[in-house]
Amino acid sequence: MRKEYKLSIIIFIAIFLFDQFVKYAFVNFSWEVDGAYMSLKLAYNYGVAFSMFEFLEGYLKYIQLLIALVATIYLVKNKEIFYKYFIPISILYAAGLSNILDRFTYGAVVDYFYWHYGFEFAIFNIADVMINIAVAILILMQIKEIREEKKKEIEK
């Protein structure tokens, strides 16, 4: 087994289990902390980011599973892309599938971070943060590749 696969599995399991553990704690132990800038309180999100697509309700989890399946098929057929971006892909899959599992388990995504310093912001969870981190890593990797390509062109 290639090292990328092994590391990908470790990243996936660590993020997925940690996110599910924290969500389980919020659902079952009713933690609430109200801070000046940020609060921790249980909320259920029936949509996606910023509660968009709430109207899809029960169908959303199946749509998201289909998207994950299509992405997986694409990555299986294009292994070089997976090898190149395996870290952000692993993070993205762990976080995304954790949120999808919430939909099957609780009927909605379990959220608990509420940022309210200076303005009201959406309530989110660790998986949401990890999705943003994965996207940021992908963007930074793309920028690095473009710079390296330009540098090679200049050196010719």
C-alpha atoms as a PDB file:
ATOM      1  CA  MET A   1       0.000   0.000   0.000  1.00  0.00           C
ATOM      2  CA  ARG A   2       1.371   3.406  -0.981  1.00  0.00           C
ATOM      3  CA  LYS A   3       2.321   5.796   1.800  1.00  0.00           C
ATOM      4  CA  GLU A   4      -0.257   8.320   0.530  1.00  0.00           C
ATOM      5  CA  TYR A   5      -3.045   5.808   1.145  1.00  0.00           C
ATOM      6  CA  LYS A   6      -1.790   4.966   4.631  1.00  0.00           C
ATOM      7  CA  LEU A   7      -1.461   8.602   5.644  1.00  0.00           C
ATOM      8  CA  SER A   8      -4.817   9.383   4.040  1.00  0.00           C
ATOM      9  CA  ILE A   9      -6.513   6.693   6.127  1.00  0.00           C
ATOM     10  CA  ILE A  10      -4.895   8.009   9.320  1.00  0.00           C
ATOM     11  CA  ILE A  11      -5.946  11.610   8.556  1.00  0.00           C
ATOM     12  CA  PHE A  12      -9.463  10.512   7.662  1.00  0.00           C
ATOM     13  CA  ILE A  13      -9.980   8.398  10.786  1.00  0.00           C
ATOM     14  CA  ALA A  14      -8.501  11.019  13.144  1.00  0.00           C
ATOM     15  CA  ILE A  15     -10.635  13.897  11.849  1.00  0.00           C
ATOM     16  CA  PHE A  16     -13.798  11.839  11.402  1.00  0.00           C
ATOM     17  CA  LEU A  17     -13.671  10.286  14.884  1.00  0.00           C
ATOM     18  CA  PHE A  18     -12.710  13.522  16.647  1.00  0.00           C
ATOM     19  CA  ASP A  19     -15.540  15.434  14.970  1.00  0.00           C
ATOM     20  CA  GLN A  20     -18.068  12.704  15.762  1.00  0.00           C
ATOM     21  CA  PHE A  21     -16.876  12.518  19.386  1.00  0.00           C
ATOM     22  CA  VAL A  22     -17.343  16.261  19.923  1.00  0.00           C
ATOM     23  CA  LYS A  23     -20.776  16.185  18.271  1.00  0.00           C
ATOM     24  CA  TYR A  24     -21.801  13.207  20.409  1.00  0.00           C
ATOM     25  CA  ALA A  25     -20.756  15.132  23.519  1.00  0.00           C
ATOM     26  CA  PHE A  26     -22.818  18.178  22.558  1.00  0.00           C
ATOM     27  CA  VAL A  27     -25.886  16.108  21.687  1.00  0.00           C
ATOM     28  CA  ASN A  28     -25.758  13.908  24.784  1.00  0.00           C
ATOM     29  CA  PHE A  29     -24.347  16.171  27.495  1.00  0.00           C
ATOM     30  CA  SER A  30     -25.879  19.555  26.568  1.00  0.00           C
ATOM     31  CA  TRP A  31     -22.750  21.671  26.917  1.00  0.00           C
ATOM     32  CA  GLU A  32     -23.313  25.400  26.746  1.00  0.00           C
ATOM     33  CA  VAL A  33     -20.741  28.126  27.244  1.00  0.00           C
ATOM     34  CA  ASP A  34     -21.610  31.739  26.523  1.00  0.00           C
ATOM     35  CA  GLY A  35     -18.558  33.896  25.906  1.00  0.00           C
ATOM     36  CA  ALA A  36     -18.102  37.523  24.943  1.00  0.00           C
ATOM     37  CA  TYR A  37     -16.901  36.647  21.434  1.00  0.00           C
ATOM     38  CA  MET A  38     -17.896  33.076  20.884  1.00  0.00           C
ATOM     39  CA  SER A  39     -20.384  30.687  22.423  1.00  0.00           C
ATOM     40  CA  LEU A  40     -20.672  26.933  22.422  1.00  0.00           C
ATOM     41  CA  LYS A  41     -24.236  25.756  22.085  1.00  0.00           C
ATOM     42  CA  LEU A  42     -26.020  22.945  20.307  1.00  0.00           C
ATOM     43  CA  ALA A  43     -27.819  23.731  17.055  1.00  0.00           C
ATOM     44  CA  TYR A  44     -29.071  21.593  14.196  1.00  0.00           C
ATOM     45  CA  ASN A  45     -28.463  22.700  10.613  1.00  0.00           C
ATOM     46  CA  TYR A  46     -30.955  21.257   8.145  1.00  0.00           C
ATOM     47  CA  GLY A  47     -29.282  22.904   5.156  1.00  0.00           C
ATOM     48  CA  VAL A  48     -25.653  23.304   4.140  1.00  0.00           C
ATOM     49  CA  ALA A  49     -23.389  26.330   4.701  1.00  0.00           C
ATOM     50  CA  PHE A  50     -25.381  29.173   6.254  1.00  0.00           C
ATOM     51  CA  SER A  51     -28.452  26.881   6.178  1.00  0.00           C
ATOM     52  CA  MET A  52     -28.754  27.076   2.386  1.00  0.00           C
ATOM     53  CA  PHE A  53     -30.868  24.385   0.701  1.00  0.00           C
ATOM     54  CA  GLU A  54     -32.860  23.716   3.883  1.00  0.00           C
ATOM     55  CA  PHE A  55     -35.859  23.121   1.650  1.00  0.00           C
ATOM     56  CA  LEU A  56     -34.256  19.868   0.412  1.00  0.00           C
ATOM     57  CA  GLU A  57     -34.588  18.410   3.932  1.00  0.00           C
ATOM     58  CA  GLY A  58     -34.331  14.603   3.772  1.00  0.00           C
ATOM     59  CA  TYR A  59     -33.063  14.549   0.191  1.00  0.00           C
ATOM     60  CA  LEU A  60     -29.928  16.533   0.976  1.00  0.00           C
ATOM     61  CA  LYS A  61     -28.081  13.605   2.553  1.00  0.00           C
ATOM     62  CA  TYR A  62     -28.634  11.485  -0.559  1.00  0.00           C
ATOM     63  CA  ILE A  63     -27.536  14.294  -2.865  1.00  0.00           C
ATOM     64  CA  GLN A  64     -24.372  14.736  -0.793  1.00  0.00           C
ATOM     65  CA  LEU A  65     -23.685  10.992  -0.824  1.00  0.00           C
ATOM     66  CA  LEU A  66     -24.079  10.978  -4.601  1.00  0.00           C
ATOM     67  CA  ILE A  67     -21.613  13.870  -4.909  1.00  0.00           C
ATOM     68  CA  ALA A  68     -19.124  11.993  -2.683  1.00  0.00           C
ATOM     69  CA  LEU A  69     -19.567   8.852  -4.799  1.00  0.00           C
ATOM     70  CA  VAL A  70     -18.999  10.736  -8.068  1.00  0.00           C
ATOM     71  CA  ALA A  71     -15.896  12.413  -6.583  1.00  0.00           C
ATOM     72  CA  THR A  72     -14.594   9.027  -5.416  1.00  0.00           C
ATOM     73  CA  ILE A  73     -15.085   7.489  -8.865  1.00  0.00           C
ATOM     74  CA  TYR A  74     -13.246  10.451 -10.386  1.00  0.00           C
ATOM     75  CA  LEU A  75     -10.332  10.048  -7.950  1.00  0.00           C
ATOM     76  CA  VAL A  76     -10.137   6.287  -8.549  1.00  0.00           C
ATOM     77  CA  LYS A  77      -9.893   6.937 -12.291  1.00  0.00           C
ATOM     78  CA  ASN A  78      -7.405   9.791 -11.778  1.00  0.00           C
ATOM     79  CA  LYS A  79      -5.103   8.429  -9.084  1.00  0.00           C
ATOM     80  CA  GLU A  80      -2.370  10.971  -9.838  1.00  0.00           C
ATOM     81  CA  ILE A  81      -4.707  13.721  -8.631  1.00  0.00           C
ATOM     82  CA  PHE A  82      -5.327  11.835  -5.390  1.00  0.00           C
ATOM     83  CA  TYR A  83      -1.579  11.263  -4.864  1.00  0.00           C
ATOM     84  CA  LYS A  84      -0.870  14.931  -5.481  1.00  0.00           C
ATOM     85  CA  TYR A  85      -3.612  16.279  -3.194  1.00  0.00           C
ATOM     86  CA  PHE A  86      -4.174  13.394  -0.783  1.00  0.00           C
ATOM     87  CA  ILE A  87      -3.899  15.497   2.389  1.00  0.00           C
ATOM     88  CA  PRO A  88      -6.615  18.062   1.591  1.00  0.00           C
ATOM     89  CA  ILE A  89      -8.730  15.359  -0.073  1.00  0.00           C
ATOM     90  CA  SER A  90      -8.538  13.206   3.073  1.00  0.00           C
ATOM     91  CA  ILE A  91      -9.488  16.157   5.268  1.00  0.00           C
ATOM     92  CA  LEU A  92     -12.369  17.064   2.954  1.00  0.00           C
ATOM     93  CA  TYR A  93     -13.726  13.512   2.866  1.00  0.00           C
ATOM     94  CA  ALA A  94     -13.486  13.056   6.646  1.00  0.00           C
ATOM     95  CA  ALA A  95     -15.270  16.314   7.369  1.00  0.00           C
ATOM     96  CA  GLY A  96     -17.852  15.953   4.631  1.00  0.00           C
ATOM     97  CA  LEU A  97     -18.739  12.371   5.479  1.00  0.00           C
ATOM     98  CA  SER A  98     -18.925  13.240   9.171  1.00  0.00           C
ATOM     99  CA  ASN A  99     -21.526  15.887   8.383  1.00  0.00           C
ATOM    100  CA  ILE A 100     -23.395  13.447   6.125  1.00  0.00           C
ATOM    101  CA  LEU A 101     -23.415  10.870   8.941  1.00  0.00           C
ATOM    102  CA  ASP A 102     -25.029  13.528  11.157  1.00  0.00           C
ATOM    103  CA  ARG A 103     -27.847  13.844   8.643  1.00  0.00           C
ATOM    104  CA  PHE A 104     -28.520  10.110   8.812  1.00  0.00           C
ATOM    105  CA  THR A 105     -28.084   9.939  12.606  1.00  0.00           C
ATOM    106  CA  TYR A 106     -29.743  13.159  13.795  1.00  0.00           C
ATOM    107  CA  GLY A 107     -31.683  14.316  10.736  1.00  0.00           C
ATOM    108  CA  ALA A 108     -29.451  17.408  10.495  1.00  0.00           C
ATOM    109  CA  VAL A 109     -25.826  18.458  10.918  1.00  0.00           C
ATOM    110  CA  VAL A 110     -24.808  19.043  14.539  1.00  0.00           C
ATOM    111  CA  ASP A 111     -23.304  22.524  14.957  1.00  0.00           C
ATOM    112  CA  TYR A 112     -22.002  24.169  18.128  1.00  0.00           C
ATOM    113  CA  PHE A 113     -19.513  27.030  17.519  1.00  0.00           C
ATOM    114  CA  TYR A 114     -21.288  30.379  17.477  1.00  0.00           C
ATOM    115  CA  TRP A 115     -19.115  33.396  16.638  1.00  0.00           C
ATOM    116  CA  HIS A 116     -20.793  36.660  17.601  1.00  0.00           C
ATOM    117  CA  TYR A 117     -18.084  39.272  18.031  1.00  0.00           C
ATOM    118  CA  GLY A 118     -19.000  42.415  16.137  1.00  0.00           C
ATOM    119  CA  PHE A 119     -21.586  40.658  13.982  1.00  0.00           C
ATOM    120  CA  GLU A 120     -23.794  37.601  13.984  1.00  0.00           C
ATOM    121  CA  PHE A 121     -22.230  34.622  12.229  1.00  0.00           C
ATOM    122  CA  ALA A 122     -23.478  31.166  11.364  1.00  0.00           C
ATOM    123  CA  ILE A 123     -23.144  28.358  13.875  1.00  0.00           C
ATOM    124  CA  PHE A 124     -20.621  25.764  12.698  1.00  0.00           C
ATOM    125  CA  ASN A 125     -18.653  22.691  13.799  1.00  0.00           C
ATOM    126  CA  ILE A 126     -15.159  21.206  13.586  1.00  0.00           C
ATOM    127  CA  ALA A 127     -15.956  19.470  10.285  1.00  0.00           C
ATOM    128  CA  ASP A 128     -16.895  22.837   8.774  1.00  0.00           C
ATOM    129  CA  VAL A 129     -13.574  24.294   9.921  1.00  0.00           C
ATOM    130  CA  MET A 130     -11.727  21.304   8.461  1.00  0.00           C
ATOM    131  CA  ILE A 131     -13.500  21.734   5.108  1.00  0.00           C
ATOM    132  CA  ASN A 132     -12.283  25.342   5.010  1.00  0.00           C
ATOM    133  CA  ILE A 133      -8.757  24.244   5.935  1.00  0.00           C
ATOM    134  CA  ALA A 134      -8.803  21.615   3.158  1.00  0.00           C
ATOM    135  CA  VAL A 135      -9.919  24.199   0.594  1.00  0.00           C
ATOM    136  CA  ALA A 136      -7.218  26.625   1.794  1.00  0.00           C
ATOM    137  CA  ILE A 137      -4.565  23.901   1.450  1.00  0.00           C
ATOM    138  CA  LEU A 138      -5.784  23.109  -2.081  1.00  0.00           C
ATOM    139  CA  ILE A 139      -5.611  26.784  -3.050  1.00  0.00           C
ATOM    140  CA  LEU A 140      -2.114  27.191  -1.576  1.00  0.00           C
ATOM    141  CA  MET A 141      -0.925  24.048  -3.370  1.00  0.00           C
ATOM    142  CA  GLN A 142      -2.318  25.394  -6.653  1.00  0.00           C
ATOM    143  CA  ILE A 143      -0.608  28.767  -6.134  1.00  0.00           C
ATOM    144  CA  LYS A 144       2.680  27.008  -5.393  1.00  0.00           C
ATOM    145  CA  GLU A 145       2.367  24.912  -8.562  1.00  0.00           C
ATOM    146  CA  ILE A 146       1.644  27.978 -10.702  1.00  0.00           C
ATOM    147  CA  ARG A 147       4.651  29.813  -9.248  1.00  0.00           C
ATOM    148  CA  GLU A 148       6.908  26.812  -9.857  1.00  0.00           C
ATOM    149  CA  GLU A 149       5.694  26.525 -13.460  1.00  0.00           C
ATOM    150  CA  LYS A 150       6.312  30.239 -14.065  1.00  0.00           C
ATOM    151  CA  LYS A 151       9.767  29.945 -12.519  1.00  0.00           C
ATOM    152  CA  LYS A 152      10.609  27.029 -14.854  1.00  0.00           C
ATOM    153  CA  GLU A 153       9.406  29.032 -17.866  1.00  0.00           C
ATOM    154  CA  ILE A 154      11.585  31.987 -16.883  1.00  0.00           C
ATOM    155  CA  GLU A 155      14.630  29.733 -16.441  1.00  0.00           C
ATOM    156  CA  LYS A 156      14.264  28.305 -19.985  1.00  0.00           C
END
